[in-house]
Amino acid sequence: MNYFPIKPYSFAKVTNAMAHSLFRVHIIRQVLLLIFIAIVFIRCGNNTTDEAAQFFLKGNVQLQKREYKEAIRFYSEAIAKKSDFADAYNNRGLAKFRDDDREGALADYTRAVELDPDFGTAYFNRAEVLLETGDAAGSVSDLMRINKQYQDSTFYQTRLGDVYVRLGKQAEAQAAYDRALQLNPDNVEALTNRGALLYSQKAYDQAGEDIQRALRLNPKQDAALNNQSLLLARVGNFAEALVYVERALALQPRQPYYLNNKAYLLLKLNRASEALPVVQESLQRDDRNAWAHQTLGLYYLSQKQADKALTEFRQTEKLDASVDQVYYYIGLAEQALNQQQAACEAWRLGELAGDEQARKIRAQQCK
């Protein structure tokens, strides 16, 4: 079962406008909630610009209604009327981002900062896309560029923590999350993501405190629900853990990590036939999730299909050799295929990685 990697919450910001006066409204928002607004006025003064502002406002209305394709259409009209309209590029980027067009969003945010090199909102939003597309170094570069402007924002510090996690800088991530919570002790996202970080460090009691506080503040926080499921599963409470991950999936039905975790729990509850389509869906949505490949391997192992299991475990190792117990399971699959020497070598690697189960089975079966 994979712990939930630090959730890349969308703190994307949108700008707003009205005819005759363009209001640059900086909104930092988590995917479902949390908005703050600061307004800067920009004057404009000819008919073409006024028409652009009207299209821009229509785009914002559609964006708020989550009609992203319509929002994109109106922002494009605004850009056609005013080609240097940085705010329209930023907002069209956000609409594309929410419509799952990451490349289009990245191009629009980049154009926005080309037109306005001091456009902090667009840098913030571009950092979001860069992180989600795997460019953590580019993301942190954008965030550092606007550090002075946003360093006292709890949302900024949360995003900075997320980026540091991706960069493997756990101390810096911890400091950023701590700062975010110092600025706002009720920041549910910071609590959830710090909890995930603590979980990965095996600080389970502290992780549980953060996750439970997050859920008290927002019982519908899907990542916190998922992480609570993981905490319960760790102590063998699989039935209750399944309840929590299903609550997370009710809020985010297509989230591949949640789907994988549900599949793992179904396997633990001896419901293998139900687990298979769930883990297959998880891999369909993200075929580079090493944990889901391991879950699929466990399914095959439970069905005595050791060759298929080994293929999935080796794919897990290829994608992320740090996945818990991967070498233990590789060894089990090798042993089932009568490859005892290969099994012992896998368990040796697991022991080197600190896997207690690999150490025990190697001591028993590899004399």
Protein backbone atom coordinates (compact mmCIF):
# COMPACT_ATOMS: atom_id res chain seq x y z
CA MET A 1 0.00 0.00 0.00
CA ASN A 2 1.48 3.31 -0.93
CA TYR A 3 1.45 6.20 1.48
CA PHE A 4 0.06 9.25 -0.21
CA PRO A 5 2.90 11.29 -1.63
CA ILE A 6 2.66 14.93 -0.69
CA LYS A 7 -0.46 16.11 -2.42
CA PRO A 8 0.15 18.81 -5.02
CA TYR A 9 -2.71 21.04 -4.00
CA SER A 10 -3.63 23.63 -6.55
CA PHE A 11 -2.94 27.01 -5.05
CA ALA A 12 -3.42 28.44 -8.53
CA LYS A 13 -4.46 32.04 -8.72
CA VAL A 14 -6.89 33.73 -11.07
CA THR A 15 -7.08 37.38 -12.09
CA ASN A 16 -10.33 39.25 -12.57
CA ALA A 17 -11.41 42.27 -14.60
CA MET A 18 -14.35 44.56 -15.37
CA ALA A 19 -14.92 46.99 -18.20
CA HIS A 20 -13.02 50.30 -18.00
CA SER A 21 -11.05 49.12 -14.97
CA LEU A 22 -9.10 45.88 -14.98
CA PHE A 23 -8.91 44.45 -11.49
CA ARG A 24 -5.93 42.16 -11.02
CA VAL A 25 -7.30 39.89 -8.33
CA HIS A 26 -4.74 37.49 -6.91
CA ILE A 27 -6.51 34.38 -5.67
CA ILE A 28 -4.61 31.58 -4.00
CA ARG A 29 -6.93 28.61 -3.86
CA GLN A 30 -6.73 25.01 -2.87
CA VAL A 31 -8.44 22.77 -5.42
CA LEU A 32 -11.78 22.81 -3.60
CA LEU A 33 -11.63 25.78 -1.20
CA LEU A 34 -9.61 28.48 0.57
CA ILE A 35 -9.56 31.79 -1.27
CA PHE A 36 -7.98 35.09 -0.44
CA ILE A 37 -8.11 38.17 -2.62
CA ALA A 38 -5.91 41.24 -2.99
CA ILE A 39 -6.82 43.80 -5.62
CA VAL A 40 -4.56 45.98 -7.77
CA PHE A 41 -6.11 48.41 -10.22
CA ILE A 42 -4.91 48.76 -13.80
CA ARG A 43 -6.48 51.45 -15.94
CA CYS A 44 -7.27 50.90 -19.61
CA GLY A 45 -8.82 53.25 -22.04
CA ASN A 46 -9.78 52.35 -25.61
CA ASN A 47 -12.59 50.37 -27.22
CA THR A 48 -10.43 47.36 -28.13
CA THR A 49 -9.18 47.11 -24.57
CA ASP A 50 -12.72 47.50 -23.25
CA GLU A 51 -13.89 44.66 -25.48
CA ALA A 52 -11.00 42.53 -24.25
CA ALA A 53 -12.03 43.27 -20.68
CA GLN A 54 -15.60 42.20 -21.41
CA PHE A 55 -14.45 38.87 -22.85
CA PHE A 56 -12.13 38.51 -19.87
CA LEU A 57 -14.98 39.00 -17.43
CA LYS A 58 -17.10 36.45 -19.29
CA GLY A 59 -14.22 34.02 -19.06
CA ASN A 60 -14.00 34.53 -15.32
CA VAL A 61 -17.71 33.81 -14.92
CA GLN A 62 -17.30 30.53 -16.80
CA LEU A 63 -14.19 29.68 -14.79
CA GLN A 64 -16.10 30.12 -11.53
CA LYS A 65 -18.85 27.87 -12.96
CA ARG A 66 -16.17 25.28 -13.83
CA GLU A 67 -17.08 25.51 -17.50
CA TYR A 68 -13.45 25.40 -18.49
CA LYS A 69 -13.75 25.07 -22.25
CA GLU A 70 -16.10 28.06 -22.39
CA ALA A 71 -13.71 30.01 -20.15
CA ILE A 72 -10.83 29.19 -22.49
CA ARG A 73 -12.90 30.40 -25.45
CA PHE A 74 -13.64 33.76 -23.84
CA TYR A 75 -10.05 34.27 -22.69
CA SER A 76 -8.89 33.51 -26.21
CA GLU A 77 -11.27 36.20 -27.50
CA ALA A 78 -9.79 38.63 -24.98
CA ILE A 79 -6.28 37.79 -26.16
CA ALA A 80 -7.34 38.24 -29.81
CA LYS A 81 -8.48 41.76 -28.91
CA LYS A 82 -5.44 42.54 -26.75
CA SER A 83 -2.43 40.39 -27.60
CA ASP A 84 -0.34 41.60 -24.64
CA PHE A 85 -3.06 40.79 -22.09
CA ALA A 86 -0.94 38.98 -19.48
CA ASP A 87 -3.87 38.47 -17.09
CA ALA A 88 -5.87 36.71 -19.81
CA TYR A 89 -2.97 34.37 -20.51
CA ASN A 90 -2.73 33.61 -16.79
CA ASN A 91 -6.43 32.88 -16.43
CA ARG A 92 -6.58 30.86 -19.64
CA GLY A 93 -3.67 28.87 -18.25
CA LEU A 94 -5.64 28.16 -15.10
CA ALA A 95 -8.69 27.08 -17.12
CA LYS A 96 -6.48 24.74 -19.18
CA PHE A 97 -4.87 23.41 -16.00
CA ARG A 98 -8.25 22.54 -14.54
CA ASP A 99 -9.26 21.00 -17.87
CA ASP A 100 -6.24 18.64 -17.58
CA ASP A 101 -4.23 20.39 -20.30
CA ARG A 102 -0.92 20.74 -18.46
CA GLU A 103 1.15 21.62 -21.53
CA GLY A 104 -1.31 24.30 -22.60
CA ALA A 105 -1.37 25.77 -19.11
CA LEU A 106 2.42 25.85 -18.95
CA ALA A 107 2.62 27.67 -22.29
CA ASP A 108 0.08 30.28 -21.19
CA TYR A 109 1.75 30.93 -17.83
CA THR A 110 5.09 31.27 -19.57
CA ARG A 111 3.63 33.78 -22.03
CA ALA A 112 2.13 35.74 -19.10
CA VAL A 113 5.52 36.16 -17.42
CA GLU A 114 7.14 37.03 -20.74
CA LEU A 115 4.64 39.88 -21.09
CA ASP A 116 4.97 40.90 -17.45
CA PRO A 117 8.23 39.71 -15.82
CA ASP A 118 6.98 40.91 -12.41
CA PHE A 119 3.72 38.94 -12.59
CA GLY A 120 4.00 37.00 -9.33
CA THR A 121 0.63 35.29 -9.80
CA ALA A 122 1.72 33.68 -13.06
CA TYR A 123 5.01 32.49 -11.56
CA PHE A 124 3.08 30.93 -8.70
CA ASN A 125 0.72 29.18 -11.08
CA ARG A 126 3.55 28.00 -13.34
CA ALA A 127 5.28 26.51 -10.31
CA GLU A 128 2.14 24.42 -9.76
CA VAL A 129 2.23 23.00 -13.29
CA LEU A 130 5.97 22.40 -13.25
CA LEU A 131 5.64 20.40 -10.05
CA GLU A 132 2.80 18.30 -11.42
CA THR A 133 4.72 17.57 -14.62
CA GLY A 134 7.80 16.43 -12.73
CA ASP A 135 9.99 19.53 -12.93
CA ALA A 136 10.49 20.19 -9.23
CA ALA A 137 13.68 22.15 -9.90
CA GLY A 138 11.83 24.51 -12.25
CA SER A 139 9.01 24.81 -9.74
CA VAL A 140 11.28 25.81 -6.87
CA SER A 141 13.03 28.31 -9.17
CA ASP A 142 9.72 30.07 -9.83
CA LEU A 143 8.81 30.02 -6.15
CA MET A 144 12.16 31.48 -5.15
CA ARG A 145 11.65 34.27 -7.65
CA ILE A 146 8.56 35.43 -5.75
CA ASN A 147 9.76 34.53 -2.27
CA LYS A 148 9.97 38.09 -1.03
CA GLN A 149 6.43 38.79 -2.24
CA TYR A 150 4.80 35.67 -0.80
CA GLN A 151 7.03 34.45 2.03
CA ASP A 152 4.43 35.36 4.65
CA SER A 153 1.68 33.44 2.86
CA THR A 154 0.69 30.15 4.48
CA PHE A 155 -0.30 28.83 1.04
CA TYR A 156 3.07 29.72 -0.45
CA GLN A 157 4.90 27.97 2.37
CA THR A 158 2.76 24.87 1.87
CA ARG A 159 3.58 24.74 -1.82
CA LEU A 160 7.26 25.31 -1.02
CA GLY A 161 7.13 22.34 1.35
CA ASP A 162 5.59 20.21 -1.39
CA VAL A 163 8.38 21.11 -3.80
CA TYR A 164 11.09 20.38 -1.25
CA VAL A 165 9.56 16.94 -0.67
CA ARG A 166 9.83 16.21 -4.39
CA LEU A 167 13.45 17.35 -4.30
CA GLY A 168 14.19 15.02 -1.40
CA LYS A 169 14.93 17.92 0.95
CA GLN A 170 12.97 16.72 3.94
CA ALA A 171 14.40 19.15 6.49
CA GLU A 172 13.54 22.12 4.26
CA ALA A 173 10.08 20.68 3.61
CA GLN A 174 9.46 20.27 7.33
CA ALA A 175 10.54 23.86 7.95
CA ALA A 176 8.22 25.16 5.23
CA TYR A 177 5.23 23.22 6.57
CA ASP A 178 6.02 24.39 10.09
CA ARG A 179 6.13 27.98 8.85
CA ALA A 180 2.84 27.53 7.00
CA LEU A 181 1.20 26.32 10.21
CA GLN A 182 2.79 29.08 12.24
CA LEU A 183 1.16 31.56 9.86
CA ASN A 184 -2.16 29.70 10.03
CA PRO A 185 -2.56 26.79 12.47
CA ASP A 186 -5.79 25.80 10.68
CA ASN A 187 -4.19 25.30 7.25
CA VAL A 188 -5.66 21.89 6.46
CA GLU A 189 -3.39 21.35 3.45
CA ALA A 190 -0.24 22.01 5.45
CA LEU A 191 -1.43 19.66 8.20
CA THR A 192 -2.25 16.95 5.67
CA ASN A 193 1.02 17.25 3.79
CA ARG A 194 3.16 17.53 6.90
CA GLY A 195 1.36 14.44 8.14
CA ALA A 196 2.28 12.62 4.92
CA LEU A 197 5.90 13.70 5.34
CA LEU A 198 5.96 12.49 8.94
CA TYR A 199 4.39 9.20 7.85
CA SER A 200 7.16 8.68 5.30
CA GLN A 201 9.66 9.27 8.12
CA LYS A 202 7.89 6.62 10.22
CA ALA A 203 6.91 9.25 12.81
CA TYR A 204 3.47 7.68 12.96
CA ASP A 205 2.18 9.26 16.17
CA GLN A 206 2.99 12.77 14.98
CA ALA A 207 1.58 12.00 11.54
CA GLY A 208 -1.63 10.83 13.15
CA GLU A 209 -1.95 14.02 15.17
CA ASP A 210 -1.66 16.15 12.02
CA ILE A 211 -4.07 14.01 10.00
CA GLN A 212 -6.69 13.87 12.75
CA ARG A 213 -6.51 17.64 13.26
CA ALA A 214 -6.91 18.14 9.52
CA LEU A 215 -10.01 15.96 9.52
CA ARG A 216 -11.49 17.80 12.51
CA LEU A 217 -11.10 21.02 10.56
CA ASN A 218 -12.37 19.56 7.31
CA PRO A 219 -13.98 16.09 7.42
CA LYS A 220 -14.11 16.10 3.61
CA GLN A 221 -10.40 16.59 3.06
CA ASP A 222 -9.79 13.70 0.68
CA ALA A 223 -6.02 13.45 1.16
CA ALA A 224 -6.39 13.42 4.93
CA LEU A 225 -9.05 10.70 4.66
CA ASN A 226 -6.68 8.64 2.54
CA ASN A 227 -3.81 9.18 4.95
CA GLN A 228 -5.98 8.18 7.90
CA SER A 229 -6.71 4.99 5.99
CA LEU A 230 -2.98 4.34 5.69
CA LEU A 231 -2.45 4.87 9.41
CA LEU A 232 -5.20 2.37 10.19
CA ALA A 233 -3.85 -0.16 7.71
CA ARG A 234 -0.40 0.07 9.24
CA VAL A 235 -1.75 -1.37 12.49
CA GLY A 236 -3.79 -4.04 10.68
CA ASN A 237 -7.21 -2.39 10.90
CA PHE A 238 -7.98 -3.07 7.24
CA ALA A 239 -11.78 -2.95 7.40
CA GLU A 240 -11.90 0.52 8.96
CA ALA A 241 -9.08 1.64 6.67
CA LEU A 242 -11.22 0.67 3.68
CA VAL A 243 -14.04 2.88 4.96
CA TYR A 244 -11.72 5.89 5.00
CA VAL A 245 -10.24 5.35 1.56
CA GLU A 246 -13.72 4.88 0.11
CA ARG A 247 -14.69 8.22 1.63
CA ALA A 248 -11.66 9.75 -0.09
CA LEU A 249 -12.69 8.16 -3.39
CA ALA A 250 -16.23 9.49 -3.02
CA LEU A 251 -14.64 12.95 -3.22
CA GLN A 252 -11.98 12.12 -5.83
CA PRO A 253 -13.16 9.02 -7.73
CA ARG A 254 -10.31 8.98 -10.25
CA GLN A 255 -7.38 9.57 -7.91
CA PRO A 256 -4.93 6.76 -8.80
CA TYR A 257 -3.23 6.57 -5.39
CA TYR A 258 -6.55 6.21 -3.61
CA LEU A 259 -7.62 3.53 -6.08
CA ASN A 260 -4.41 1.61 -5.48
CA ASN A 261 -4.82 1.84 -1.72
CA LYS A 262 -8.36 0.53 -1.98
CA ALA A 263 -7.14 -2.41 -4.08
CA TYR A 264 -4.44 -3.22 -1.54
CA LEU A 265 -6.97 -3.21 1.30
CA LEU A 266 -9.33 -5.46 -0.65
CA LEU A 267 -6.46 -7.93 -1.06
CA LYS A 268 -5.80 -7.80 2.66
CA LEU A 269 -9.48 -8.54 3.27
CA ASN A 270 -9.30 -11.58 0.93
CA ARG A 271 -11.43 -9.89 -1.73
CA ALA A 272 -8.99 -10.43 -4.60
CA SER A 273 -11.60 -10.52 -7.38
CA GLU A 274 -12.77 -7.04 -6.35
CA ALA A 275 -9.21 -5.75 -6.03
CA LEU A 276 -8.11 -6.57 -9.59
CA PRO A 277 -10.28 -4.08 -11.54
CA VAL A 278 -9.51 -1.36 -9.00
CA VAL A 279 -5.73 -1.66 -9.28
CA GLN A 280 -6.03 -1.95 -13.05
CA GLU A 281 -7.93 1.34 -13.10
CA SER A 282 -5.26 2.90 -10.90
CA LEU A 283 -2.55 1.87 -13.37
CA GLN A 284 -4.63 3.03 -16.31
CA ARG A 285 -4.67 6.50 -14.75
CA ASP A 286 -1.00 6.45 -13.73
CA ASP A 287 1.11 3.60 -15.07
CA ARG A 288 4.23 4.94 -13.35
CA ASN A 289 2.89 4.45 -9.84
CA ALA A 290 5.35 1.91 -8.47
CA TRP A 291 3.07 1.07 -5.54
CA ALA A 292 0.23 0.07 -7.87
CA HIS A 293 2.54 -2.27 -9.78
CA GLN A 294 3.42 -3.85 -6.44
CA THR A 295 -0.27 -4.24 -5.57
CA LEU A 296 -0.90 -5.91 -8.92
CA GLY A 297 2.05 -8.20 -8.21
CA LEU A 298 0.50 -9.11 -4.86
CA TYR A 299 -2.74 -9.95 -6.64
CA TYR A 300 -0.91 -12.29 -9.01
CA LEU A 301 1.01 -13.83 -6.11
CA SER A 302 -2.28 -14.52 -4.32
CA GLN A 303 -3.51 -16.26 -7.48
CA LYS A 304 -0.33 -18.39 -7.67
CA GLN A 305 0.78 -16.67 -10.90
CA ALA A 306 4.35 -16.09 -9.77
CA ASP A 307 5.70 -15.23 -13.23
CA LYS A 308 3.26 -12.36 -13.64
CA ALA A 309 3.85 -11.30 -10.05
CA LEU A 310 7.60 -11.15 -10.62
CA THR A 311 7.12 -8.97 -13.70
CA GLU A 312 5.13 -6.46 -11.66
CA PHE A 313 7.56 -6.51 -8.73
CA ARG A 314 10.48 -5.90 -11.07
CA GLN A 315 8.60 -2.98 -12.60
CA THR A 316 8.08 -1.65 -9.07
CA GLU A 317 11.83 -1.90 -8.45
CA LYS A 318 12.57 -0.15 -11.74
CA LEU A 319 10.23 2.75 -11.00
CA ASP A 320 11.08 3.17 -7.30
CA ALA A 321 13.34 0.73 -5.49
CA SER A 322 12.48 2.40 -2.17
CA VAL A 323 8.93 1.03 -2.16
CA ASP A 324 8.38 -0.84 1.09
CA GLN A 325 9.16 -4.58 0.95
CA VAL A 326 9.68 -4.71 -2.80
CA TYR A 327 12.68 -7.03 -2.43
CA TYR A 328 10.83 -9.22 0.05
CA TYR A 329 8.10 -9.76 -2.54
CA ILE A 330 10.57 -10.23 -5.38
CA GLY A 331 12.13 -12.97 -3.29
CA LEU A 332 8.79 -14.66 -2.71
CA ALA A 333 8.05 -14.65 -6.44
CA GLU A 334 11.52 -15.98 -7.31
CA GLN A 335 11.13 -18.72 -4.71
CA ALA A 336 7.74 -19.71 -6.14
CA LEU A 337 9.49 -20.09 -9.50
CA ASN A 338 12.11 -22.37 -7.89
CA GLN A 339 14.82 -19.72 -8.20
CA GLN A 340 16.15 -19.95 -4.65
CA GLN A 341 19.48 -18.23 -5.35
CA ALA A 342 17.68 -15.26 -6.94
CA ALA A 343 15.25 -15.20 -4.02
CA CYS A 344 18.08 -15.07 -1.50
CA GLU A 345 19.76 -12.24 -3.41
CA ALA A 346 16.51 -10.24 -3.40
CA TRP A 347 16.12 -10.76 0.34
CA ARG A 348 19.73 -9.70 0.85
CA LEU A 349 18.97 -6.42 -0.93
CA GLY A 350 15.84 -6.03 1.18
CA GLU A 351 17.82 -6.53 4.36
CA LEU A 352 20.30 -3.88 3.24
CA ALA A 353 17.34 -1.54 2.71
CA GLY A 354 16.17 -2.14 6.30
CA ASP A 355 13.29 -4.53 5.54
CA GLU A 356 12.83 -6.66 8.67
CA GLN A 357 10.73 -9.29 6.91
CA ALA A 358 13.41 -9.73 4.25
CA ARG A 359 16.01 -10.14 6.98
CA LYS A 360 13.99 -12.78 8.80
CA ILE A 361 13.19 -14.89 5.75
CA ARG A 362 16.77 -14.69 4.53
CA ALA A 363 18.00 -15.92 7.91
CA GLN A 364 15.56 -18.83 7.77
CA GLN A 365 15.96 -19.93 4.17
CA CYS A 366 19.33 -18.77 2.88
CA LYS A 367 21.96 -20.72 4.81
